[in-house]
N, C-alpha and C. Protein backbone atom coordinates (compact mmCIF):
# COMPACT_ATOMS: atom_id res chain seq x y z
N MET A 1 -1.88 102.68 193.25
CA MET A 1 -0.79 103.13 193.07
C MET A 1 -0.41 103.57 191.66
N VAL A 2 -0.91 102.91 190.77
CA VAL A 2 -0.76 103.18 189.32
C VAL A 2 -1.37 104.52 189.11
N GLU A 3 -2.56 104.78 189.58
CA GLU A 3 -3.30 105.97 189.42
C GLU A 3 -2.52 107.21 190.11
N GLY A 4 -2.01 106.90 191.11
CA GLY A 4 -1.03 107.90 191.93
C GLY A 4 0.18 108.35 190.92
N LEU A 5 0.92 107.19 190.12
CA LEU A 5 1.92 107.37 189.25
C LEU A 5 1.48 108.31 188.32
N GLU A 6 0.30 107.87 187.53
CA GLU A 6 -0.05 108.36 186.37
C GLU A 6 -0.43 109.87 186.57
N LYS A 7 -0.94 110.32 187.71
CA LYS A 7 -1.43 111.58 188.19
C LYS A 7 -0.18 112.37 188.71
N ALA A 8 1.03 111.88 189.07
CA ALA A 8 2.27 112.44 189.46
C ALA A 8 3.06 113.18 188.26
N GLY A 9 2.68 112.72 187.29
CA GLY A 9 3.44 113.45 186.12
C GLY A 9 4.65 112.64 185.43
N THR A 10 5.29 113.15 184.85
CA THR A 10 6.42 112.56 183.86
C THR A 10 7.64 112.11 184.49
N ASN A 11 7.59 112.60 185.64
CA ASN A 11 8.98 112.26 186.46
C ASN A 11 8.56 112.36 187.87
N PRO A 12 7.92 111.56 188.34
CA PRO A 12 7.20 111.33 189.53
C PRO A 12 8.25 111.07 190.63
N THR A 13 8.11 111.87 191.93
CA THR A 13 8.84 111.55 193.22
C THR A 13 8.09 111.11 194.07
N HIS A 14 8.65 110.69 195.34
CA HIS A 14 7.84 110.08 196.21
C HIS A 14 6.88 111.05 196.78
N ALA A 15 7.05 112.33 197.00
CA ALA A 15 6.19 113.30 197.32
C ALA A 15 5.08 113.65 196.21
N SER A 16 5.40 113.47 195.29
CA SER A 16 4.36 113.89 194.13
C SER A 16 3.35 112.74 193.88
N VAL A 17 3.73 111.36 194.20
CA VAL A 17 3.16 110.32 194.06
C VAL A 17 2.02 110.76 195.31
N ILE A 18 2.53 110.87 196.37
CA ILE A 18 1.57 110.66 197.55
C ILE A 18 0.67 111.85 197.44
N LYS A 19 1.14 113.00 197.24
CA LYS A 19 0.17 114.09 196.68
C LYS A 19 -0.76 113.97 195.86
N ALA A 20 -0.44 113.11 194.74
CA ALA A 20 -1.58 112.79 193.94
C ALA A 20 -2.26 111.73 194.31
N LEU A 21 -1.85 110.84 195.01
CA LEU A 21 -2.92 109.84 195.72
C LEU A 21 -3.92 110.48 196.74
N ARG A 22 -3.42 111.43 197.34
CA ARG A 22 -4.38 112.08 198.31
C ARG A 22 -5.39 113.00 197.65
N GLY A 23 -5.19 113.37 196.23
CA GLY A 23 -5.98 114.00 195.39
C GLY A 23 -7.19 113.28 194.75
N ILE A 24 -7.12 111.93 194.98
CA ILE A 24 -8.28 110.97 194.48
C ILE A 24 -9.00 110.57 195.52
N THR A 25 -10.21 111.21 195.00
CA THR A 25 -11.28 111.15 196.35
C THR A 25 -12.57 110.23 195.95
N SER A 26 -12.29 109.40 194.63
CA SER A 26 -13.53 108.69 194.36
C SER A 26 -12.81 107.50 193.60
N TYR A 27 -12.26 106.46 194.02
CA TYR A 27 -11.50 105.33 193.20
C TYR A 27 -12.08 103.99 193.59
N ASN A 28 -12.49 103.22 192.56
CA ASN A 28 -13.15 101.94 192.72
C ASN A 28 -12.52 100.99 191.53
N ALA A 29 -11.34 101.14 191.01
CA ALA A 29 -10.64 100.46 190.00
C ALA A 29 -11.70 100.46 189.08
N ASP A 30 -12.43 101.47 188.40
CA ASP A 30 -13.24 101.50 187.17
C ASP A 30 -14.30 100.24 187.46
N GLY A 31 -14.81 100.25 188.67
CA GLY A 31 -16.01 99.40 188.86
C GLY A 31 -15.71 98.10 189.48
N LEU A 32 -14.30 97.74 189.54
CA LEU A 32 -13.98 96.40 189.90
C LEU A 32 -13.91 96.05 191.61
N LEU A 33 -13.79 97.11 192.23
CA LEU A 33 -13.90 97.36 193.79
C LEU A 33 -15.38 97.52 194.04
N PRO A 34 -15.99 96.90 195.30
CA PRO A 34 -17.27 96.91 195.43
C PRO A 34 -17.51 98.29 196.49
N VAL A 35 -16.29 98.75 196.90
CA VAL A 35 -16.46 100.17 197.75
C VAL A 35 -15.59 101.20 197.05
N THR A 36 -15.84 102.46 197.24
CA THR A 36 -15.12 103.67 196.61
C THR A 36 -14.34 104.27 197.82
N ASN A 37 -13.15 104.31 197.53
CA ASN A 37 -12.00 104.67 198.55
C ASN A 37 -11.79 106.09 197.87
N ASP A 38 -11.68 106.97 199.24
CA ASP A 38 -11.44 108.46 199.07
C ASP A 38 -9.95 108.69 199.73
N TYR A 39 -9.03 108.46 198.97
CA TYR A 39 -7.59 108.76 199.55
C TYR A 39 -7.53 109.91 200.21
N ALA A 40 -8.17 111.00 199.94
CA ALA A 40 -7.75 112.45 200.36
C ALA A 40 -8.16 112.24 202.08
N THR A 41 -9.00 111.55 202.54
CA THR A 41 -9.21 111.14 203.86
C THR A 41 -8.85 109.82 204.29
N ASP A 42 -8.89 108.99 203.60
CA ASP A 42 -8.70 107.55 203.89
C ASP A 42 -6.99 107.00 203.77
N PHE A 43 -6.53 107.81 203.25
CA PHE A 43 -5.03 107.53 202.78
C PHE A 43 -4.21 106.97 204.18
N GLY A 44 -3.48 105.75 203.92
CA GLY A 44 -2.81 105.08 205.03
C GLY A 44 -3.46 104.43 206.22
N LYS A 45 -4.80 104.54 205.91
CA LYS A 45 -5.66 103.74 206.86
C LYS A 45 -6.12 102.41 206.49
N ASP A 46 -6.27 101.46 207.23
CA ASP A 46 -6.70 100.16 206.92
C ASP A 46 -8.02 100.14 207.12
N PRO A 47 -8.93 99.84 205.95
CA PRO A 47 -10.42 99.75 206.07
C PRO A 47 -10.85 98.82 207.06
N ALA A 48 -11.89 99.08 207.68
CA ALA A 48 -12.37 98.03 208.84
C ALA A 48 -13.04 96.79 208.15
N LYS A 49 -13.30 97.00 206.66
CA LYS A 49 -13.79 95.76 206.11
C LYS A 49 -13.42 95.75 204.79
N SER A 50 -12.91 94.76 204.10
CA SER A 50 -12.41 94.52 202.80
C SER A 50 -13.25 93.48 201.92
N CYS A 51 -13.83 94.02 200.92
CA CYS A 51 -14.56 93.16 200.04
C CYS A 51 -13.94 92.91 198.68
N GLY A 52 -14.47 91.88 198.07
CA GLY A 52 -14.00 91.52 196.64
C GLY A 52 -14.88 90.44 195.91
N TRP A 53 -14.83 90.48 194.86
CA TRP A 53 -15.45 89.53 193.94
C TRP A 53 -14.33 88.44 193.59
N TYR A 54 -14.85 87.25 193.60
CA TYR A 54 -13.97 86.08 193.23
C TYR A 54 -14.56 85.69 191.82
N MET A 55 -13.56 85.25 191.00
CA MET A 55 -14.19 84.76 189.62
C MET A 55 -13.62 83.23 189.50
N ILE A 56 -14.38 82.64 188.60
CA ILE A 56 -14.19 81.33 188.34
C ILE A 56 -13.99 81.25 186.66
N ALA A 57 -12.73 80.59 186.43
CA ALA A 57 -12.53 80.44 185.05
C ALA A 57 -13.05 79.11 184.44
N GLU A 58 -14.13 79.65 183.37
CA GLU A 58 -14.78 78.36 182.62
C GLU A 58 -14.18 78.58 181.42
N LYS A 59 -14.60 77.62 180.51
CA LYS A 59 -14.25 77.62 179.06
C LYS A 59 -14.63 78.62 178.26
N ASN A 60 -15.50 79.37 178.36
CA ASN A 60 -16.08 80.47 177.73
C ASN A 60 -15.76 82.02 178.56
N GLY A 61 -15.05 81.95 179.56
CA GLY A 61 -14.48 82.98 180.15
C GLY A 61 -14.62 82.89 181.79
N PHE A 62 -14.71 84.15 182.21
CA PHE A 62 -14.75 84.09 183.95
C PHE A 62 -16.14 84.58 184.26
N VAL A 63 -16.48 83.75 185.16
CA VAL A 63 -18.20 83.96 185.76
C VAL A 63 -17.74 84.21 187.37
N PRO A 64 -18.67 85.24 188.09
CA PRO A 64 -18.43 85.44 189.45
C PRO A 64 -18.82 84.16 189.93
N SER A 65 -18.26 83.92 191.34
CA SER A 65 -18.59 82.76 192.14
C SER A 65 -19.71 83.19 193.14
N SER A 66 -20.15 84.30 192.96
CA SER A 66 -21.34 84.72 194.01
C SER A 66 -21.65 86.07 193.42
N SER A 67 -23.24 86.27 193.50
CA SER A 67 -23.76 87.52 193.32
C SER A 67 -23.47 88.68 194.36
N GLN A 68 -22.95 88.38 195.39
CA GLN A 68 -22.54 89.16 196.37
C GLN A 68 -20.87 89.21 196.64
N PRO A 69 -20.49 90.34 196.88
CA PRO A 69 -18.71 90.25 197.27
C PRO A 69 -18.73 89.41 198.60
N TRP A 70 -17.52 88.95 198.42
CA TRP A 70 -17.19 88.16 199.57
C TRP A 70 -16.28 89.19 200.49
N CYS A 71 -16.69 89.37 201.84
CA CYS A 71 -16.08 90.51 202.84
C CYS A 71 -15.62 89.90 204.15
N GLY A 72 -14.44 90.41 204.22
CA GLY A 72 -13.58 90.32 205.55
C GLY A 72 -13.71 91.22 206.70
N THR A 73 -13.17 90.97 207.76
CA THR A 73 -13.02 92.09 208.77
C THR A 73 -11.73 91.94 209.44
N ASP A 74 -11.28 92.79 210.05
CA ASP A 74 -9.93 92.68 210.96
C ASP A 74 -10.25 91.62 211.75
N ILE A 75 -9.07 91.05 212.28
CA ILE A 75 -8.93 90.15 213.41
C ILE A 75 -9.42 90.68 214.63
N SER A 76 -10.21 89.91 215.24
CA SER A 76 -10.54 90.45 216.62
C SER A 76 -9.48 90.81 217.51
N GLY A 77 -9.53 91.89 218.17
CA GLY A 77 -8.41 92.16 219.12
C GLY A 77 -7.16 93.16 218.53
N THR A 78 -7.25 93.12 217.28
CA THR A 78 -6.49 94.27 216.46
C THR A 78 -6.94 95.54 216.48
N SER A 79 -6.02 96.50 216.33
CA SER A 79 -6.47 97.72 216.21
C SER A 79 -5.82 98.54 215.00
N THR A 80 -5.74 97.79 213.75
CA THR A 80 -5.46 98.35 212.79
C THR A 80 -6.37 99.21 211.71
N ALA A 81 -7.59 98.94 212.22
CA ALA A 81 -8.68 99.53 211.01
C ALA A 81 -9.13 100.89 211.75
N SER A 82 -9.53 101.72 210.94
CA SER A 82 -9.83 103.11 211.51
C SER A 82 -11.05 103.53 210.83
N SER A 83 -12.33 103.76 211.31
CA SER A 83 -13.41 104.23 210.39
C SER A 83 -13.43 105.62 210.33
N SER A 84 -12.23 106.31 211.34
CA SER A 84 -12.69 107.97 210.96
C SER A 84 -11.91 108.46 209.98
């Protein structure tokens, strides 16, 4: 959302934010997300799988809880995800 607001200009409107978001074709939160989102084609769709890394706070900083992201899927029997 912040990316869309920044790209929408100094006086963003609902329409300009949506237009700006749909122009983002490769977003991964500067490498924080394990997948890249293309809002030109995926805007408003629920991804079939959501992944993320979880961090553990330790005395000298944060460390990943795993070397692989934790991934989830939609609840069986629901139809909110779309792969097209």
